[in-house]
Amino acid sequence: MTATPPDTKPPVITPSRVIAGLCLLAPFVALLWVNSYSRLTPRFIGIPFFYWYQMAWVPVAAALTYAAYLLVRREERVRKGGAGK
């Protein structure tokens, strides 16, 4: 028989965690749906759409990951009682 520590709480699904999850899911969906960007036009500075679309997602995915991090970190601070920085 295993005993769980008394301070362990089950995970709580909050709106900020759902939004963070969507921020992390968006790049996967956008890049795994290849038929949506499998074409050559429109070109951007001579680069076919297929390539620049994927490269455009690099900074977007980084920004969305950072936003998800901030949302989860803010929620953890509020949960622990320290709402300040």
N, C-alpha and C. Protein backbone atom coordinates (compact mmCIF):
# COMPACT_ATOMS: atom_id res chain seq x y z
N MET A 1 0.85 -1.17 0.00
CA MET A 1 0.00 0.00 0.00
C MET A 1 0.90 1.24 0.00
N THR A 2 0.63 2.18 -0.90
CA THR A 2 1.41 3.40 -0.96
C THR A 2 0.59 4.55 -0.40
N ALA A 3 1.26 5.39 0.33
CA ALA A 3 0.59 6.57 0.90
C ALA A 3 1.00 7.79 0.10
N THR A 4 0.04 8.65 -0.20
CA THR A 4 0.34 9.89 -0.90
C THR A 4 0.60 10.97 0.13
N PRO A 5 1.49 11.90 -0.19
CA PRO A 5 1.74 13.00 0.73
C PRO A 5 0.47 13.82 0.97
N PRO A 6 0.28 14.34 2.17
CA PRO A 6 -0.97 15.05 2.48
C PRO A 6 -1.12 16.37 1.72
N ASP A 7 -0.01 16.98 1.25
CA ASP A 7 -0.13 18.26 0.57
C ASP A 7 -0.32 18.11 -0.94
N THR A 8 -0.41 16.90 -1.46
CA THR A 8 -0.61 16.67 -2.88
C THR A 8 -2.08 16.87 -3.23
N LYS A 9 -2.31 17.78 -4.18
CA LYS A 9 -3.68 18.06 -4.62
C LYS A 9 -3.83 17.59 -6.07
N PRO A 10 -5.02 17.16 -6.43
CA PRO A 10 -5.21 16.77 -7.83
C PRO A 10 -5.10 17.99 -8.74
N PRO A 11 -4.65 17.81 -9.99
CA PRO A 11 -4.53 18.95 -10.90
C PRO A 11 -5.89 19.59 -11.17
N VAL A 12 -5.89 20.90 -11.25
CA VAL A 12 -7.11 21.65 -11.47
C VAL A 12 -7.06 22.26 -12.87
N ILE A 13 -8.11 22.05 -13.64
CA ILE A 13 -8.17 22.63 -14.99
C ILE A 13 -8.83 24.00 -14.86
N THR A 14 -8.06 25.03 -15.17
CA THR A 14 -8.54 26.40 -15.08
C THR A 14 -8.54 27.01 -16.48
N PRO A 15 -9.25 28.12 -16.66
CA PRO A 15 -9.26 28.76 -17.98
C PRO A 15 -7.87 29.15 -18.47
N SER A 16 -7.00 29.58 -17.57
CA SER A 16 -5.66 29.96 -18.02
C SER A 16 -4.86 28.75 -18.49
N ARG A 17 -5.09 27.59 -17.88
CA ARG A 17 -4.41 26.37 -18.34
C ARG A 17 -4.97 25.91 -19.68
N VAL A 18 -6.25 26.09 -19.90
CA VAL A 18 -6.84 25.74 -21.19
C VAL A 18 -6.28 26.63 -22.29
N ILE A 19 -6.18 27.93 -22.00
CA ILE A 19 -5.62 28.88 -22.98
C ILE A 19 -4.15 28.54 -23.24
N ALA A 20 -3.41 28.21 -22.19
CA ALA A 20 -2.01 27.83 -22.37
C ALA A 20 -1.90 26.58 -23.23
N GLY A 21 -2.78 25.63 -23.01
CA GLY A 21 -2.78 24.42 -23.83
C GLY A 21 -3.09 24.71 -25.29
N LEU A 22 -4.01 25.62 -25.53
CA LEU A 22 -4.32 26.00 -26.90
C LEU A 22 -3.16 26.72 -27.55
N CYS A 23 -2.45 27.54 -26.77
CA CYS A 23 -1.26 28.21 -27.30
C CYS A 23 -0.19 27.20 -27.72
N LEU A 24 -0.07 26.12 -27.00
CA LEU A 24 0.91 25.10 -27.33
C LEU A 24 0.42 24.19 -28.47
N LEU A 25 -0.87 24.05 -28.61
CA LEU A 25 -1.43 23.18 -29.63
C LEU A 25 -1.47 23.83 -31.01
N ALA A 26 -1.63 25.14 -31.07
CA ALA A 26 -1.80 25.85 -32.34
C ALA A 26 -0.67 25.60 -33.34
N PRO A 27 0.61 25.70 -32.96
CA PRO A 27 1.66 25.43 -33.95
C PRO A 27 1.64 23.99 -34.47
N PHE A 28 1.33 23.04 -33.62
CA PHE A 28 1.28 21.65 -34.07
C PHE A 28 0.19 21.46 -35.12
N VAL A 29 -0.99 21.99 -34.85
CA VAL A 29 -2.09 21.84 -35.79
C VAL A 29 -1.77 22.56 -37.09
N ALA A 30 -1.25 23.76 -37.00
CA ALA A 30 -0.96 24.55 -38.20
C ALA A 30 0.10 23.90 -39.07
N LEU A 31 1.09 23.28 -38.46
CA LEU A 31 2.18 22.70 -39.25
C LEU A 31 1.95 21.25 -39.62
N LEU A 32 1.13 20.54 -38.89
CA LEU A 32 0.85 19.15 -39.27
C LEU A 32 -0.22 19.04 -40.36
N TRP A 33 -0.99 20.10 -40.57
CA TRP A 33 -1.99 20.13 -41.62
C TRP A 33 -1.33 20.64 -42.90
N VAL A 34 -0.55 19.78 -43.51
CA VAL A 34 0.32 20.16 -44.64
C VAL A 34 -0.49 20.61 -45.85
N ASN A 35 -1.63 20.04 -46.10
CA ASN A 35 -2.42 20.43 -47.27
C ASN A 35 -2.80 21.91 -47.25
N SER A 36 -2.82 22.53 -46.09
CA SER A 36 -3.20 23.94 -46.01
C SER A 36 -2.11 24.86 -46.55
N TYR A 37 -0.86 24.40 -46.59
CA TYR A 37 0.22 25.26 -47.09
C TYR A 37 1.09 24.58 -48.13
N SER A 38 0.63 23.52 -48.70
CA SER A 38 1.39 22.77 -49.71
C SER A 38 1.19 23.40 -51.09
N ARG A 39 1.79 24.55 -51.28
CA ARG A 39 1.72 25.25 -52.58
C ARG A 39 2.91 26.17 -52.72
N LEU A 40 3.12 26.69 -53.91
CA LEU A 40 4.28 27.54 -54.17
C LEU A 40 3.97 29.03 -54.06
N THR A 41 2.73 29.41 -54.29
CA THR A 41 2.39 30.83 -54.25
C THR A 41 1.53 31.11 -53.03
N PRO A 42 1.56 32.27 -52.48
CA PRO A 42 2.31 33.46 -52.86
C PRO A 42 3.78 33.36 -52.42
N ARG A 43 4.63 33.95 -53.20
CA ARG A 43 6.06 33.97 -52.87
C ARG A 43 6.36 35.21 -52.02
N PHE A 44 7.34 35.07 -51.16
CA PHE A 44 7.79 36.18 -50.32
C PHE A 44 9.29 36.32 -50.53
N ILE A 45 9.70 37.43 -51.09
CA ILE A 45 11.08 37.71 -51.51
C ILE A 45 11.70 36.53 -52.26
N GLY A 46 10.90 35.91 -53.12
CA GLY A 46 11.36 34.82 -53.96
C GLY A 46 11.30 33.45 -53.32
N ILE A 47 10.85 33.36 -52.08
CA ILE A 47 10.78 32.07 -51.38
C ILE A 47 9.36 31.53 -51.51
N PRO A 48 9.22 30.27 -51.96
CA PRO A 48 7.88 29.69 -52.10
C PRO A 48 7.13 29.65 -50.76
N PHE A 49 5.82 29.72 -50.85
CA PHE A 49 4.96 29.76 -49.67
C PHE A 49 5.22 28.59 -48.74
N PHE A 50 5.43 27.40 -49.30
CA PHE A 50 5.65 26.20 -48.50
C PHE A 50 6.77 26.41 -47.49
N TYR A 51 7.84 27.09 -47.87
CA TYR A 51 8.98 27.28 -46.99
C TYR A 51 8.80 28.46 -46.04
N TRP A 52 8.35 29.61 -46.57
CA TRP A 52 8.27 30.76 -45.67
C TRP A 52 7.14 30.63 -44.66
N TYR A 53 6.11 29.87 -44.98
CA TYR A 53 5.04 29.65 -44.02
C TYR A 53 5.57 28.90 -42.80
N GLN A 54 6.35 27.87 -43.04
CA GLN A 54 6.92 27.11 -41.93
C GLN A 54 7.90 27.95 -41.11
N MET A 55 8.70 28.74 -41.78
CA MET A 55 9.67 29.58 -41.07
C MET A 55 8.97 30.70 -40.30
N ALA A 56 7.83 31.16 -40.79
CA ALA A 56 7.09 32.20 -40.07
C ALA A 56 6.55 31.67 -38.75
N TRP A 57 6.32 30.37 -38.67
CA TRP A 57 5.80 29.79 -37.45
C TRP A 57 6.85 29.68 -36.35
N VAL A 58 8.12 29.80 -36.68
CA VAL A 58 9.16 29.68 -35.66
C VAL A 58 9.02 30.79 -34.60
N PRO A 59 9.01 32.08 -34.98
CA PRO A 59 8.83 33.11 -33.94
C PRO A 59 7.42 33.10 -33.35
N VAL A 60 6.42 32.73 -34.14
CA VAL A 60 5.05 32.67 -33.62
C VAL A 60 4.95 31.59 -32.54
N ALA A 61 5.54 30.43 -32.82
CA ALA A 61 5.51 29.34 -31.84
C ALA A 61 6.28 29.71 -30.58
N ALA A 62 7.39 30.42 -30.74
CA ALA A 62 8.15 30.87 -29.57
C ALA A 62 7.33 31.84 -28.73
N ALA A 63 6.63 32.76 -29.38
CA ALA A 63 5.80 33.72 -28.66
C ALA A 63 4.63 33.03 -27.96
N LEU A 64 4.02 32.06 -28.62
CA LEU A 64 2.91 31.33 -28.00
C LEU A 64 3.39 30.47 -26.83
N THR A 65 4.58 29.89 -26.95
CA THR A 65 5.13 29.11 -25.84
C THR A 65 5.42 30.01 -24.65
N TYR A 66 5.95 31.19 -24.89
CA TYR A 66 6.22 32.13 -23.82
C TYR A 66 4.92 32.60 -23.16
N ALA A 67 3.90 32.84 -23.98
CA ALA A 67 2.60 33.25 -23.43
C ALA A 67 2.01 32.14 -22.54
N ALA A 68 2.14 30.90 -22.99
CA ALA A 68 1.65 29.77 -22.18
C ALA A 68 2.43 29.69 -20.87
N TYR A 69 3.72 29.90 -20.93
CA TYR A 69 4.56 29.89 -19.72
C TYR A 69 4.11 30.98 -18.74
N LEU A 70 3.87 32.18 -19.26
CA LEU A 70 3.44 33.28 -18.38
C LEU A 70 2.08 32.98 -17.75
N LEU A 71 1.17 32.42 -18.51
CA LEU A 71 -0.16 32.10 -17.97
C LEU A 71 -0.07 31.08 -16.85
N VAL A 72 0.70 30.03 -17.06
CA VAL A 72 0.82 28.99 -16.03
C VAL A 72 1.56 29.51 -14.82
N ARG A 73 2.62 30.30 -15.05
CA ARG A 73 3.39 30.85 -13.92
C ARG A 73 2.53 31.79 -13.08
N ARG A 74 1.73 32.62 -13.75
CA ARG A 74 0.86 33.55 -13.02
C ARG A 74 -0.16 32.78 -12.19
N GLU A 75 -0.72 31.73 -12.77
CA GLU A 75 -1.70 30.94 -12.04
C GLU A 75 -1.07 30.24 -10.83
N GLU A 76 0.14 29.74 -10.99
CA GLU A 76 0.83 29.09 -9.87
C GLU A 76 1.10 30.08 -8.74
N ARG A 77 1.47 31.29 -9.10
CA ARG A 77 1.71 32.32 -8.07
C ARG A 77 0.45 32.66 -7.32
N VAL A 78 -0.65 32.78 -8.05
CA VAL A 78 -1.93 33.09 -7.41
C VAL A 78 -2.36 31.93 -6.52
N ARG A 79 -2.15 30.71 -6.99
CA ARG A 79 -2.54 29.53 -6.21
C ARG A 79 -1.74 29.43 -4.91
N LYS A 80 -0.47 29.81 -4.97
CA LYS A 80 0.36 29.74 -3.78
C LYS A 80 0.19 30.92 -2.85
N GLY A 81 -0.56 31.93 -3.31
CA GLY A 81 -0.87 33.07 -2.46
C GLY A 81 0.01 34.28 -2.69
N GLY A 82 0.99 34.20 -3.54
CA GLY A 82 1.86 35.35 -3.82
C GLY A 82 1.54 35.94 -5.17
N ALA A 83 0.58 36.83 -5.22
CA ALA A 83 0.15 37.40 -6.50
C ALA A 83 1.15 38.41 -7.04
N GLY A 84 2.06 38.89 -6.25
CA GLY A 84 3.03 39.89 -6.71
C GLY A 84 4.17 39.27 -7.46
N LYS A 85 5.04 40.11 -8.05
CA LYS A 85 6.21 39.61 -8.76
C LYS A 85 7.24 39.30 -7.76
